[in-house]
């Protein structure tokens, strides 16, 4: 993900960081296309509306056991921010999984790509 935006961030003289702990499960099951679209929108908007400073992406396992994990993606920036009265309209709260909208989970040892390659 950060490689996609590196040139744009560099052109605006922004620091672009990505933090993925080594302990993060490496095999994920979920809608990679939808996740990529959401993260592209969030990171892209963070860069677009940040004039100076930095944009960061942090990934962490919020809950994890040997069979599954809930993964959190956090985008931060030093941009103009979103007024508090508008924040409630864009909240991305966790939802219960359904057949059409599965929760992203991790399954250790299933041979999928690493989180860093999934994020690119």
PDB file of N, CA and C in Angstrom:
ATOM      1  N   UNK A   1       0.830  -1.188   0.000  1.00  0.00           N
ATOM      2  CA  UNK A   1       0.000   0.000   0.000  1.00  0.00           C
ATOM      3  C   UNK A   1       0.875   1.253   0.000  1.00  0.00           C
ATOM      4  N   UNK A   2       1.895   1.287   0.839  1.00  0.00           N
ATOM      5  CA  UNK A   2       2.721   2.487   0.908  1.00  0.00           C
ATOM      6  C   UNK A   2       3.496   2.701  -0.386  1.00  0.00           C
ATOM      7  N   UNK A   3       3.881   1.629  -1.065  1.00  0.00           N
ATOM      8  CA  UNK A   3       4.586   1.783  -2.333  1.00  0.00           C
ATOM      9  C   UNK A   3       3.719   2.482  -3.373  1.00  0.00           C
ATOM     10  N   UNK A   4       2.420   2.245  -3.325  1.00  0.00           N
ATOM     11  CA  UNK A   4       1.493   2.870  -4.257  1.00  0.00           C
ATOM     12  C   UNK A   4       1.500   4.388  -4.112  1.00  0.00           C
ATOM     13  N   UNK A   5       1.655   4.878  -2.893  1.00  0.00           N
ATOM     14  CA  UNK A   5       1.549   6.311  -2.618  1.00  0.00           C
ATOM     15  C   UNK A   5       2.887   6.985  -2.335  1.00  0.00           C
ATOM     16  N   UNK A   6       3.980   6.257  -2.409  1.00  0.00           N
ATOM     17  CA  UNK A   6       5.290   6.809  -2.048  1.00  0.00           C
ATOM     18  C   UNK A   6       5.647   8.040  -2.876  1.00  0.00           C
ATOM     19  N   UNK A   7       5.453   7.988  -4.184  1.00  0.00           N
ATOM     20  CA  UNK A   7       5.823   9.121  -5.032  1.00  0.00           C
ATOM     21  C   UNK A   7       4.967  10.349  -4.749  1.00  0.00           C
ATOM     22  N   UNK A   8       3.672  10.148  -4.534  1.00  0.00           N
ATOM     23  CA  UNK A   8       2.784  11.273  -4.239  1.00  0.00           C
ATOM     24  C   UNK A   8       3.173  11.908  -2.907  1.00  0.00           C
ATOM     25  N   UNK A   9       3.413  11.084  -1.893  1.00  0.00           N
ATOM     26  CA  UNK A   9       3.817  11.602  -0.579  1.00  0.00           C
ATOM     27  C   UNK A   9       5.152  12.331  -0.682  1.00  0.00           C
ATOM     28  N   UNK A  10       6.094  11.744  -1.389  1.00  0.00           N
ATOM     29  CA  UNK A  10       7.404  12.366  -1.567  1.00  0.00           C
ATOM     30  C   UNK A  10       7.266  13.715  -2.272  1.00  0.00           C
ATOM     31  N   UNK A  11       6.417  13.770  -3.284  1.00  0.00           N
ATOM     32  CA  UNK A  11       6.193  15.011  -4.019  1.00  0.00           C
ATOM     33  C   UNK A  11       5.611  16.122  -3.159  1.00  0.00           C
ATOM     34  N   UNK A  12       4.893  15.750  -2.110  1.00  0.00           N
ATOM     35  CA  UNK A  12       4.327  16.739  -1.188  1.00  0.00           C
ATOM     36  C   UNK A  12       5.225  16.936   0.036  1.00  0.00           C
ATOM     37  N   UNK A  13       6.392  16.298   0.018  1.00  0.00           N
ATOM     38  CA  UNK A  13       7.349  16.362   1.128  1.00  0.00           C
ATOM     39  C   UNK A  13       6.742  15.831   2.432  1.00  0.00           C
ATOM     40  N   UNK A  14       5.948  14.754   2.313  1.00  0.00           N
ATOM     41  CA  UNK A  14       5.326  14.114   3.475  1.00  0.00           C
ATOM     42  C   UNK A  14       6.087  12.849   3.832  1.00  0.00           C
ATOM     43  N   UNK A  15       6.124  12.547   5.103  1.00  0.00           N
ATOM     44  CA  UNK A  15       6.656  11.264   5.545  1.00  0.00           C
ATOM     45  C   UNK A  15       5.504  10.256   5.498  1.00  0.00           C
ATOM     46  N   UNK A  16       5.750   9.112   4.885  1.00  0.00           N
ATOM     47  CA  UNK A  16       4.747   8.060   4.778  1.00  0.00           C
ATOM     48  C   UNK A  16       5.286   6.833   5.501  1.00  0.00           C
ATOM     49  N   UNK A  17       4.573   6.398   6.541  1.00  0.00           N
ATOM     50  CA  UNK A  17       5.040   5.259   7.334  1.00  0.00           C
ATOM     51  C   UNK A  17       4.031   4.123   7.300  1.00  0.00           C
ATOM     52  N   UNK A  18       4.536   2.927   7.506  1.00  0.00           N
ATOM     53  CA  UNK A  18       3.691   1.744   7.583  1.00  0.00           C
ATOM     54  C   UNK A  18       4.261   0.851   8.667  1.00  0.00           C
ATOM     55  N   UNK A  19       3.443   0.523   9.654  1.00  0.00           N
ATOM     56  CA  UNK A  19       3.875  -0.311  10.768  1.00  0.00           C
ATOM     57  C   UNK A  19       3.058  -1.597  10.785  1.00  0.00           C
ATOM     58  N   UNK A  20       3.745  -2.709  10.555  1.00  0.00           N
ATOM     59  CA  UNK A  20       3.119  -4.025  10.592  1.00  0.00           C
ATOM     60  C   UNK A  20       3.977  -4.890  11.501  1.00  0.00           C
ATOM     61  N   UNK A  21       3.465  -5.285  12.669  1.00  0.00           N
ATOM     62  CA  UNK A  21       4.279  -6.089  13.585  1.00  0.00           C
ATOM     63  C   UNK A  21       4.617  -7.462  13.007  1.00  0.00           C
ATOM     64  N   UNK A  22       5.799  -7.930  13.309  1.00  0.00           N
ATOM     65  CA  UNK A  22       6.237  -9.245  12.832  1.00  0.00           C
ATOM     66  C   UNK A  22       5.330 -10.355  13.353  1.00  0.00           C
ATOM     67  N   UNK A  23       4.667 -10.118  14.469  1.00  0.00           N
ATOM     68  CA  UNK A  23       3.806 -11.138  15.078  1.00  0.00           C
ATOM     69  C   UNK A  23       2.426 -11.225  14.430  1.00  0.00           C
ATOM     70  N   UNK A  24       2.130 -10.355  13.465  1.00  0.00           N
ATOM     71  CA  UNK A  24       0.830 -10.375  12.811  1.00  0.00           C
ATOM     72  C   UNK A  24       0.655 -11.680  12.042  1.00  0.00           C
ATOM     73  N   UNK A  25      -0.509 -12.327  12.142  1.00  0.00           N
ATOM     74  CA  UNK A  25      -0.733 -13.554  11.368  1.00  0.00           C
ATOM     75  C   UNK A  25      -0.501 -13.292   9.879  1.00  0.00           C
ATOM     76  N   UNK A  26       0.044 -14.272   9.196  1.00  0.00           N
ATOM     77  CA  UNK A  26       0.431 -14.067   7.799  1.00  0.00           C
ATOM     78  C   UNK A  26      -0.559 -14.605   6.776  1.00  0.00           C
ATOM     79  N   UNK A  27      -1.533 -15.361   7.177  1.00  0.00           N
ATOM     80  CA  UNK A  27      -2.513 -15.910   6.240  1.00  0.00           C
ATOM     81  C   UNK A  27      -3.876 -15.310   6.553  1.00  0.00           C
ATOM     82  N   UNK A  28      -4.423 -14.546   5.608  1.00  0.00           N
ATOM     83  CA  UNK A  28      -5.686 -13.870   5.837  1.00  0.00           C
ATOM     84  C   UNK A  28      -6.759 -14.402   4.898  1.00  0.00           C
ATOM     85  N   UNK A  29      -7.977 -14.473   5.413  1.00  0.00           N
ATOM     86  CA  UNK A  29      -9.133 -14.884   4.626  1.00  0.00           C
ATOM     87  C   UNK A  29     -10.116 -13.727   4.678  1.00  0.00           C
ATOM     88  N   UNK A  30     -10.550 -13.253   3.525  1.00  0.00           N
ATOM     89  CA  UNK A  30     -11.488 -12.141   3.483  1.00  0.00           C
ATOM     90  C   UNK A  30     -11.550 -11.563   2.089  1.00  0.00           C
ATOM     91  N   UNK A  31     -12.158 -10.432   1.950  1.00  0.00           N
ATOM     92  CA  UNK A  31     -12.326  -9.771   0.662  1.00  0.00           C
ATOM     93  C   UNK A  31     -11.164  -8.813   0.430  1.00  0.00           C
ATOM     94  N   UNK A  32     -10.101  -9.317  -0.180  1.00  0.00           N
ATOM     95  CA  UNK A  32      -8.886  -8.534  -0.403  1.00  0.00           C
ATOM     96  C   UNK A  32      -9.156  -7.317  -1.283  1.00  0.00           C
ATOM     97  N   UNK A  33     -10.007  -7.461  -2.275  1.00  0.00           N
ATOM     98  CA  UNK A  33     -10.319  -6.346  -3.160  1.00  0.00           C
ATOM     99  C   UNK A  33     -11.001  -5.202  -2.433  1.00  0.00           C
ATOM    100  N   UNK A  34     -11.946  -5.556  -1.601  1.00  0.00           N
ATOM    101  CA  UNK A  34     -12.657  -4.519  -0.832  1.00  0.00           C
ATOM    102  C   UNK A  34     -11.725  -3.851   0.172  1.00  0.00           C
ATOM    103  N   UNK A  35     -10.912  -4.643   0.845  1.00  0.00           N
ATOM    104  CA  UNK A  35      -9.953  -4.090   1.801  1.00  0.00           C
ATOM    105  C   UNK A  35      -8.980  -3.157   1.085  1.00  0.00           C
ATOM    106  N   UNK A  36      -8.461  -3.576  -0.068  1.00  0.00           N
ATOM    107  CA  UNK A  36      -7.536  -2.743  -0.845  1.00  0.00           C
ATOM    108  C   UNK A  36      -8.209  -1.429  -1.239  1.00  0.00           C
ATOM    109  N   UNK A  37      -9.475  -1.487  -1.661  1.00  0.00           N
ATOM    110  CA  UNK A  37     -10.196  -0.275  -2.049  1.00  0.00           C
ATOM    111  C   UNK A  37     -10.363   0.676  -0.866  1.00  0.00           C
ATOM    112  N   UNK A  38     -10.747   0.143   0.277  1.00  0.00           N
ATOM    113  CA  UNK A  38     -10.938   0.971   1.470  1.00  0.00           C
ATOM    114  C   UNK A  38      -9.630   1.610   1.892  1.00  0.00           C
ATOM    115  N   UNK A  39      -8.571   0.813   1.945  1.00  0.00           N
ATOM    116  CA  UNK A  39      -7.277   1.341   2.383  1.00  0.00           C
ATOM    117  C   UNK A  39      -6.734   2.354   1.375  1.00  0.00           C
ATOM    118  N   UNK A  40      -6.943   2.113   0.083  1.00  0.00           N
ATOM    119  CA  UNK A  40      -6.514   3.063  -0.944  1.00  0.00           C
ATOM    120  C   UNK A  40      -7.233   4.391  -0.758  1.00  0.00           C
ATOM    121  N   UNK A  41      -8.535   4.342  -0.497  1.00  0.00           N
ATOM    122  CA  UNK A  41      -9.299   5.571  -0.272  1.00  0.00           C
ATOM    123  C   UNK A  41      -8.826   6.308   0.976  1.00  0.00           C
ATOM    124  N   UNK A  42      -8.627   5.575   2.068  1.00  0.00           N
ATOM    125  CA  UNK A  42      -8.223   6.211   3.323  1.00  0.00           C
ATOM    126  C   UNK A  42      -6.828   6.826   3.231  1.00  0.00           C
ATOM    127  N   UNK A  43      -5.870   6.062   2.731  1.00  0.00           N
ATOM    128  CA  UNK A  43      -4.500   6.580   2.628  1.00  0.00           C
ATOM    129  C   UNK A  43      -4.446   7.695   1.580  1.00  0.00           C
ATOM    130  N   UNK A  44      -5.131   7.506   0.451  1.00  0.00           N
ATOM    131  CA  UNK A  44      -5.147   8.540  -0.580  1.00  0.00           C
ATOM    132  C   UNK A  44      -5.725   9.849  -0.078  1.00  0.00           C
ATOM    133  N   UNK A  45      -6.827   9.788   0.657  1.00  0.00           N
ATOM    134  CA  UNK A  45      -7.424  11.012   1.216  1.00  0.00           C
ATOM    135  C   UNK A  45      -6.531  11.632   2.275  1.00  0.00           C
ATOM    136  N   UNK A  46      -5.884  10.801   3.075  1.00  0.00           N
ATOM    137  CA  UNK A  46      -4.973  11.337   4.092  1.00  0.00           C
ATOM    138  C   UNK A  46      -3.851  12.130   3.427  1.00  0.00           C
ATOM    139  N   UNK A  47      -3.298  11.599   2.353  1.00  0.00           N
ATOM    140  CA  UNK A  47      -2.228  12.314   1.632  1.00  0.00           C
ATOM    141  C   UNK A  47      -2.788  13.563   0.954  1.00  0.00           C
ATOM    142  N   UNK A  48      -3.940  13.433   0.347  1.00  0.00           N
ATOM    143  CA  UNK A  48      -4.559  14.556  -0.362  1.00  0.00           C
ATOM    144  C   UNK A  48      -4.788  15.759   0.551  1.00  0.00           C
ATOM    145  N   UNK A  49      -5.238  15.501   1.782  1.00  0.00           N
ATOM    146  CA  UNK A  49      -5.603  16.586   2.686  1.00  0.00           C
ATOM    147  C   UNK A  49      -4.532  16.901   3.724  1.00  0.00           C
ATOM    148  N   UNK A  50      -3.334  16.406   3.529  1.00  0.00           N
ATOM    149  CA  UNK A  50      -2.221  16.713   4.430  1.00  0.00           C
ATOM    150  C   UNK A  50      -1.215  17.552   3.657  1.00  0.00           C
ATOM    151  N   UNK A  51      -0.975  18.763   4.141  1.00  0.00           N
ATOM    152  CA  UNK A  51      -0.046  19.674   3.478  1.00  0.00           C
ATOM    153  C   UNK A  51       1.380  19.516   3.968  1.00  0.00           C
ATOM    154  N   UNK A  52       1.540  19.182   5.253  1.00  0.00           N
ATOM    155  CA  UNK A  52       2.884  18.985   5.797  1.00  0.00           C
ATOM    156  C   UNK A  52       2.811  17.975   6.926  1.00  0.00           C
ATOM    157  N   UNK A  53       3.931  17.312   7.166  1.00  0.00           N
ATOM    158  CA  UNK A  53       3.967  16.339   8.254  1.00  0.00           C
ATOM    159  C   UNK A  53       4.014  14.918   7.746  1.00  0.00           C
ATOM    160  N   UNK A  54       3.062  14.117   8.216  1.00  0.00           N
ATOM    161  CA  UNK A  54       3.136  12.696   7.892  1.00  0.00           C
ATOM    162  C   UNK A  54       1.774  12.044   7.766  1.00  0.00           C
ATOM    163  N   UNK A  55       1.802  10.900   7.096  1.00  0.00           N
ATOM    164  CA  UNK A  55       0.655  10.002   6.984  1.00  0.00           C
ATOM    165  C   UNK A  55       1.162   8.632   7.394  1.00  0.00           C
ATOM    166  N   UNK A  56       0.422   7.961   8.271  1.00  0.00           N
ATOM    167  CA  UNK A  56       0.861   6.656   8.750  1.00  0.00           C
ATOM    168  C   UNK A  56      -0.224   5.603   8.617  1.00  0.00           C
ATOM    169  N   UNK A  57       0.212   4.392   8.341  1.00  0.00           N
ATOM    170  CA  UNK A  57      -0.671   3.234   8.310  1.00  0.00           C
ATOM    171  C   UNK A  57      -0.143   2.249   9.334  1.00  0.00           C
ATOM    172  N   UNK A  58      -0.999   1.835  10.260  1.00  0.00           N
ATOM    173  CA  UNK A  58      -0.619   0.851  11.275  1.00  0.00           C
ATOM    174  C   UNK A  58      -1.593  -0.313  11.205  1.00  0.00           C
ATOM    175  N   UNK A  59      -1.054  -1.509  11.234  1.00  0.00           N
ATOM    176  CA  UNK A  59      -1.850  -2.726  11.199  1.00  0.00           C
ATOM    177  C   UNK A  59      -1.557  -3.502  12.466  1.00  0.00           C
ATOM    178  N   UNK A  60      -2.602  -4.015  13.114  1.00  0.00           N
ATOM    179  CA  UNK A  60      -2.381  -4.805  14.322  1.00  0.00           C
ATOM    180  C   UNK A  60      -3.494  -5.829  14.507  1.00  0.00           C
ATOM    181  N   UNK A  61      -3.148  -6.902  15.178  1.00  0.00           N
ATOM    182  CA  UNK A  61      -4.146  -7.909  15.538  1.00  0.00           C
ATOM    183  C   UNK A  61      -4.796  -7.455  16.838  1.00  0.00           C
ATOM    184  N   UNK A  62      -6.083  -7.178  16.781  1.00  0.00           N
ATOM    185  CA  UNK A  62      -6.815  -6.728  17.966  1.00  0.00           C
ATOM    186  C   UNK A  62      -7.111  -7.913  18.871  1.00  0.00           C
ATOM    187  N   UNK A  63      -7.567  -8.982  18.276  1.00  0.00           N
ATOM    188  CA  UNK A  63      -7.817 -10.237  18.991  1.00  0.00           C
ATOM    189  C   UNK A  63      -7.224 -11.348  18.145  1.00  0.00           C
ATOM    190  N   UNK A  64      -6.537 -12.255  18.781  1.00  0.00           N
ATOM    191  CA  UNK A  64      -5.952 -13.360  18.015  1.00  0.00           C
ATOM    192  C   UNK A  64      -5.860 -14.604  18.878  1.00  0.00           C
ATOM    193  N   UNK A  65      -6.079 -15.746  18.246  1.00  0.00           N
ATOM    194  CA  UNK A  65      -5.824 -17.035  18.880  1.00  0.00           C
ATOM    195  C   UNK A  65      -5.230 -17.929  17.803  1.00  0.00           C
ATOM    196  N   UNK A  66      -5.136 -19.205  18.031  1.00  0.00           N
ATOM    197  CA  UNK A  66      -4.496 -20.091  17.059  1.00  0.00           C
ATOM    198  C   UNK A  66      -5.329 -20.304  15.805  1.00  0.00           C
ATOM    199  N   UNK A  67      -6.632 -20.003  15.852  1.00  0.00           N
ATOM    200  CA  UNK A  67      -7.501 -20.257  14.709  1.00  0.00           C
ATOM    201  C   UNK A  67      -7.901 -19.003  13.932  1.00  0.00           C
ATOM    202  N   UNK A  68      -7.935 -17.849  14.591  1.00  0.00           N
ATOM    203  CA  UNK A  68      -8.405 -16.648  13.903  1.00  0.00           C
ATOM    204  C   UNK A  68      -7.872 -15.385  14.568  1.00  0.00           C
ATOM    205  N   UNK A  69      -8.051 -14.265  13.868  1.00  0.00           N
ATOM    206  CA  UNK A  69      -7.640 -12.967  14.402  1.00  0.00           C
ATOM    207  C   UNK A  69      -8.509 -11.882  13.788  1.00  0.00           C
ATOM    208  N   UNK A  70      -8.754 -10.841  14.552  1.00  0.00           N
ATOM    209  CA  UNK A  70      -9.396  -9.650  14.041  1.00  0.00           C
ATOM    210  C   UNK A  70      -8.285  -8.625  13.853  1.00  0.00           C
ATOM    211  N   UNK A  71      -8.166  -8.116  12.633  1.00  0.00           N
ATOM    212  CA  UNK A  71      -7.082  -7.223  12.266  1.00  0.00           C
ATOM    213  C   UNK A  71      -7.612  -5.794  12.183  1.00  0.00           C
ATOM    214  N   UNK A  72      -6.894  -4.845  12.802  1.00  0.00           N
ATOM    215  CA  UNK A  72      -7.266  -3.435  12.754  1.00  0.00           C
ATOM    216  C   UNK A  72      -6.290  -2.684  11.860  1.00  0.00           C
ATOM    217  N   UNK A  73      -6.822  -1.785  11.055  1.00  0.00           N
ATOM    218  CA  UNK A  73      -6.033  -0.934  10.179  1.00  0.00           C
ATOM    219  C   UNK A  73      -6.283   0.504  10.617  1.00  0.00           C
ATOM    220  N   UNK A  74      -5.229   1.226  10.919  1.00  0.00           N
ATOM    221  CA  UNK A  74      -5.348   2.581  11.451  1.00  0.00           C
ATOM    222  C   UNK A  74      -4.568   3.534  10.558  1.00  0.00           C
ATOM    223  N   UNK A  75      -5.262   4.518   9.971  1.00  0.00           N
ATOM    224  CA  UNK A  75      -4.612   5.528   9.149  1.00  0.00           C
ATOM    225  C   UNK A  75      -4.636   6.833   9.933  1.00  0.00           C
ATOM    226  N   UNK A  76      -3.463   7.426  10.104  1.00  0.00           N
ATOM    227  CA  UNK A  76      -3.356   8.697  10.818  1.00  0.00           C
ATOM    228  C   UNK A  76      -2.642   9.707   9.928  1.00  0.00           C
ATOM    229  N   UNK A  77      -2.898  10.982  10.194  1.00  0.00           N
ATOM    230  CA  UNK A  77      -2.209  12.028   9.435  1.00  0.00           C
ATOM    231  C   UNK A  77      -2.171  13.315  10.233  1.00  0.00           C
ATOM    232  N   UNK A  78      -1.397  14.260   9.748  1.00  0.00           N
ATOM    233  CA  UNK A  78      -1.303  15.571  10.370  1.00  0.00           C
ATOM    234  C   UNK A  78      -2.045  16.606   9.541  1.00  0.00           C
ATOM    235  N   UNK A  79      -3.041  16.158   8.797  1.00  0.00           N
ATOM    236  CA  UNK A  79      -3.824  17.030   7.923  1.00  0.00           C
ATOM    237  C   UNK A  79      -4.845  17.858   8.663  1.00  0.00           C
ATOM    238  N   UNK A  80      -5.787  18.420   7.910  1.00  0.00           N
ATOM    239  CA  UNK A  80      -6.755  19.372   8.448  1.00  0.00           C
ATOM    240  C   UNK A  80      -7.778  18.739   9.376  1.00  0.00           C
ATOM    241  N   UNK A  81      -7.953  17.436   9.297  1.00  0.00           N
ATOM    242  CA  UNK A  81      -8.896  16.746  10.172  1.00  0.00           C
ATOM    243  C   UNK A  81     -10.319  16.819   9.664  1.00  0.00           C
ATOM    244  N   UNK A  82     -11.175  16.117  10.365  1.00  0.00           N
ATOM    245  CA  UNK A  82     -12.595  16.075  10.030  1.00  0.00           C
ATOM    246  C   UNK A  82     -13.347  16.667  11.212  1.00  0.00           C
ATOM    247  N   UNK A  83     -14.189  17.670  10.982  1.00  0.00           N
ATOM    248  CA  UNK A  83     -14.941  18.263  12.085  1.00  0.00           C
ATOM    249  C   UNK A  83     -15.724  17.192  12.848  1.00  0.00           C
ATOM    250  N   UNK A  84     -15.794  17.330  14.154  1.00  0.00           N
ATOM    251  CA  UNK A  84     -16.438  16.305  14.987  1.00  0.00           C
ATOM    252  C   UNK A  84     -17.891  16.061  14.601  1.00  0.00           C
ATOM    253  N   UNK A  85     -18.600  17.081  14.120  1.00  0.00           N
ATOM    254  CA  UNK A  85     -19.999  16.879  13.736  1.00  0.00           C
ATOM    255  C   UNK A  85     -20.133  16.061  12.450  1.00  0.00           C
ATOM    256  N   UNK A  86     -19.056  15.905  11.690  1.00  0.00           N
ATOM    257  CA  UNK A  86     -19.074  15.104  10.457  1.00  0.00           C
ATOM    258  C   UNK A  86     -18.540  13.691  10.687  1.00  0.00           C
ATOM    259  N   UNK A  87     -17.808  13.468  11.771  1.00  0.00           N
ATOM    260  CA  UNK A  87     -17.178  12.178  12.017  1.00  0.00           C
ATOM    261  C   UNK A  87     -18.179  11.051  12.162  1.00  0.00           C
ATOM    262  N   UNK A  88     -19.313  11.302  12.732  1.00  0.00           N
ATOM    263  CA  UNK A  88     -20.302  10.235  12.930  1.00  0.00           C
ATOM    264  C   UNK A  88     -20.845   9.699  11.610  1.00  0.00           C
ATOM    265  N   UNK A  89     -20.725  10.465  10.549  1.00  0.00           N
ATOM    266  CA  UNK A  89     -21.225  10.038   9.240  1.00  0.00           C
ATOM    267  C   UNK A  89     -20.265   9.110   8.502  1.00  0.00           C
ATOM    268  N   UNK A  90     -19.020   9.025   8.953  1.00  0.00           N
ATOM    269  CA  UNK A  90     -18.033   8.207   8.249  1.00  0.00           C
ATOM    270  C   UNK A  90     -17.495   7.069   9.092  1.00  0.00           C
ATOM    271  N   UNK A  91     -18.071   6.851  10.241  1.00  0.00           N
ATOM    272  CA  UNK A  91     -17.584   5.791  11.122  1.00  0.00           C
ATOM    273  C   UNK A  91     -17.606   4.452  10.414  1.00  0.00           C
ATOM    274  N   UNK A  92     -16.541   3.671  10.573  1.00  0.00           N
ATOM    275  CA  UNK A  92     -16.443   2.345   9.971  1.00  0.00           C
ATOM    276  C   UNK A  92     -16.393   1.324  11.099  1.00  0.00           C
ATOM    277  N   UNK A  93     -17.483   1.142  11.768  1.00  0.00           N
ATOM    278  CA  UNK A  93     -17.547   0.221  12.893  1.00  0.00           C
ATOM    279  C   UNK A  93     -17.550  -1.218  12.414  1.00  0.00           C
ATOM    280  N   UNK A  94     -17.088  -2.083  13.282  1.00  0.00           N
ATOM    281  CA  UNK A  94     -17.090  -3.514  12.963  1.00  0.00           C
ATOM    282  C   UNK A  94     -18.520  -3.989  12.798  1.00  0.00           C
ATOM    283  N   UNK A  95     -18.714  -4.911  11.877  1.00  0.00           N
ATOM    284  CA  UNK A  95     -20.030  -5.481  11.651  1.00  0.00           C
ATOM    285  C   UNK A  95     -19.938  -6.985  11.810  1.00  0.00           C
ATOM    286  N   UNK A  96     -21.055  -7.579  12.129  1.00  0.00           N
ATOM    287  CA  UNK A  96     -21.084  -9.033  12.216  1.00  0.00           C
ATOM    288  C   UNK A  96     -20.930  -9.617  10.820  1.00  0.00           C
ATOM    289  N   UNK A  97     -20.243 -10.744  10.722  1.00  0.00           N
ATOM    290  CA  UNK A  97     -20.072 -11.350   9.394  1.00  0.00           C
ATOM    291  C   UNK A  97     -21.383 -11.910   8.861  1.00  0.00           C
ATOM    292  N   UNK A  98     -21.510 -11.860   7.555  1.00  0.00           N
ATOM    293  CA  UNK A  98     -22.627 -12.486   6.863  1.00  0.00           C
ATOM    294  C   UNK A  98     -22.042 -13.250   5.684  1.00  0.00           C
ATOM    295  N   UNK A  99     -22.868 -13.958   4.964  1.00  0.00           N
ATOM    296  CA  UNK A  99     -22.387 -14.694   3.795  1.00  0.00           C
ATOM    297  C   UNK A  99     -21.832 -13.730   2.747  1.00  0.00           C
ATOM    298  N   UNK A 100     -22.405 -12.537   2.650  1.00  0.00           N
ATOM    299  CA  UNK A 100     -21.967 -11.563   1.650  1.00  0.00           C
ATOM    300  C   UNK A 100     -20.871 -10.646   2.177  1.00  0.00           C
ATOM    301  N   UNK A 101     -20.688 -10.553   3.488  1.00  0.00           N
ATOM    302  CA  UNK A 101     -19.724  -9.630   4.068  1.00  0.00           C
ATOM    303  C   UNK A 101     -18.962 -10.334   5.187  1.00  0.00           C
ATOM    304  N   UNK A 102     -17.979 -11.154   4.838  1.00  0.00           N
ATOM    305  CA  UNK A 102     -17.237 -11.882   5.872  1.00  0.00           C
ATOM    306  C   UNK A 102     -16.296 -10.969   6.642  1.00  0.00           C
ATOM    307  N   UNK A 103     -16.003 -11.346   7.860  1.00  0.00           N
ATOM    308  CA  UNK A 103     -14.997 -10.658   8.656  1.00  0.00           C
ATOM    309  C   UNK A 103     -13.643 -11.181   8.215  1.00  0.00           C
ATOM    310  N   UNK A 104     -12.663 -10.290   8.111  1.00  0.00           N
ATOM    311  CA  UNK A 104     -11.315 -10.722   7.752  1.00  0.00           C
ATOM    312  C   UNK A 104     -10.717 -11.447   8.950  1.00  0.00           C
ATOM    313  N   UNK A 105     -10.300 -12.659   8.728  1.00  0.00           N
ATOM    314  CA  UNK A 105      -9.695 -13.444   9.796  1.00  0.00           C
ATOM    315  C   UNK A 105      -8.383 -14.032   9.316  1.00  0.00           C
ATOM    316  N   UNK A 106      -7.587 -14.467  10.231  1.00  0.00           N
ATOM    317  CA  UNK A 106      -6.302 -15.071   9.885  1.00  0.00           C
ATOM    318  C   UNK A 106      -6.334 -16.546  10.231  1.00  0.00           C
ATOM    319  N   UNK A 107      -5.704 -17.332   9.406  1.00  0.00           N
ATOM    320  CA  UNK A 107      -5.604 -18.773   9.640  1.00  0.00           C
ATOM    321  C   UNK A 107      -4.143 -19.170   9.512  1.00  0.00           C
ATOM    322  N   UNK A 108      -3.435 -19.307  10.625  1.00  0.00           N
ATOM    323  CA  UNK A 108      -2.016 -19.616  10.564  1.00  0.00           C
ATOM    324  C   UNK A 108      -1.742 -20.881   9.764  1.00  0.00           C
ATOM    325  N   UNK A 109      -0.719 -20.793   8.912  1.00  0.00           N
ATOM    326  CA  UNK A 109      -0.269 -21.959   8.183  1.00  0.00           C
ATOM    327  C   UNK A 109      -1.055 -22.315   6.941  1.00  0.00           C
ATOM    328  N   UNK A 110      -1.959 -21.445   6.477  1.00  0.00           N
ATOM    329  CA  UNK A 110      -2.739 -21.811   5.295  1.00  0.00           C
ATOM    330  C   UNK A 110      -2.055 -21.436   3.998  1.00  0.00           C
ATOM    331  N   UNK A 111      -0.850 -20.866   4.071  1.00  0.00           N
ATOM    332  CA  UNK A 111      -0.040 -20.646   2.887  1.00  0.00           C
ATOM    333  C   UNK A 111      -0.385 -19.415   2.076  1.00  0.00           C
ATOM    334  N   UNK A 112      -1.133 -18.455   2.606  1.00  0.00           N
ATOM    335  CA  UNK A 112      -1.439 -17.237   1.870  1.00  0.00           C
ATOM    336  C   UNK A 112      -0.275 -16.257   1.954  1.00  0.00           C
ATOM    337  N   UNK A 113      -0.404 -15.174   1.224  1.00  0.00           N
ATOM    338  CA  UNK A 113       0.654 -14.163   1.184  1.00  0.00           C
ATOM    339  C   UNK A 113       0.810 -13.465   2.518  1.00  0.00           C
ATOM    340  N   UNK A 114       1.991 -12.910   2.740  1.00  0.00           N
ATOM    341  CA  UNK A 114       2.270 -12.200   3.986  1.00  0.00           C
ATOM    342  C   UNK A 114       1.511 -10.877   4.015  1.00  0.00           C
ATOM    343  N   UNK A 115       1.269 -10.316   5.212  1.00  0.00           N
ATOM    344  CA  UNK A 115       0.556  -9.037   5.307  1.00  0.00           C
ATOM    345  C   UNK A 115       1.255  -7.935   4.527  1.00  0.00           C
ATOM    346  N   UNK A 116       2.586  -7.921   4.524  1.00  0.00           N
ATOM    347  CA  UNK A 116       3.272  -6.836   3.820  1.00  0.00           C
ATOM    348  C   UNK A 116       3.045  -6.935   2.320  1.00  0.00           C
ATOM    349  N   UNK A 117       3.004  -8.136   1.772  1.00  0.00           N
ATOM    350  CA  UNK A 117       2.740  -8.246   0.340  1.00  0.00           C
ATOM    351  C   UNK A 117       1.272  -7.999   0.036  1.00  0.00           C
ATOM    352  N   UNK A 118       0.375  -8.322   0.953  1.00  0.00           N
ATOM    353  CA  UNK A 118      -1.048  -8.032   0.753  1.00  0.00           C
ATOM    354  C   UNK A 118      -1.285  -6.538   0.779  1.00  0.00           C
ATOM    355  N   UNK A 119      -0.471  -5.809   1.536  1.00  0.00           N
ATOM    356  CA  UNK A 119      -0.668  -4.376   1.678  1.00  0.00           C
ATOM    357  C   UNK A 119      -0.108  -3.584   0.500  1.00  0.00           C
ATOM    358  N   UNK A 120       0.674  -4.209  -0.353  1.00  0.00           N
ATOM    359  CA  UNK A 120       1.297  -3.470  -1.461  1.00  0.00           C
ATOM    360  C   UNK A 120       0.336  -3.262  -2.600  1.00  0.00           C
TER     361      UNK A 120
END
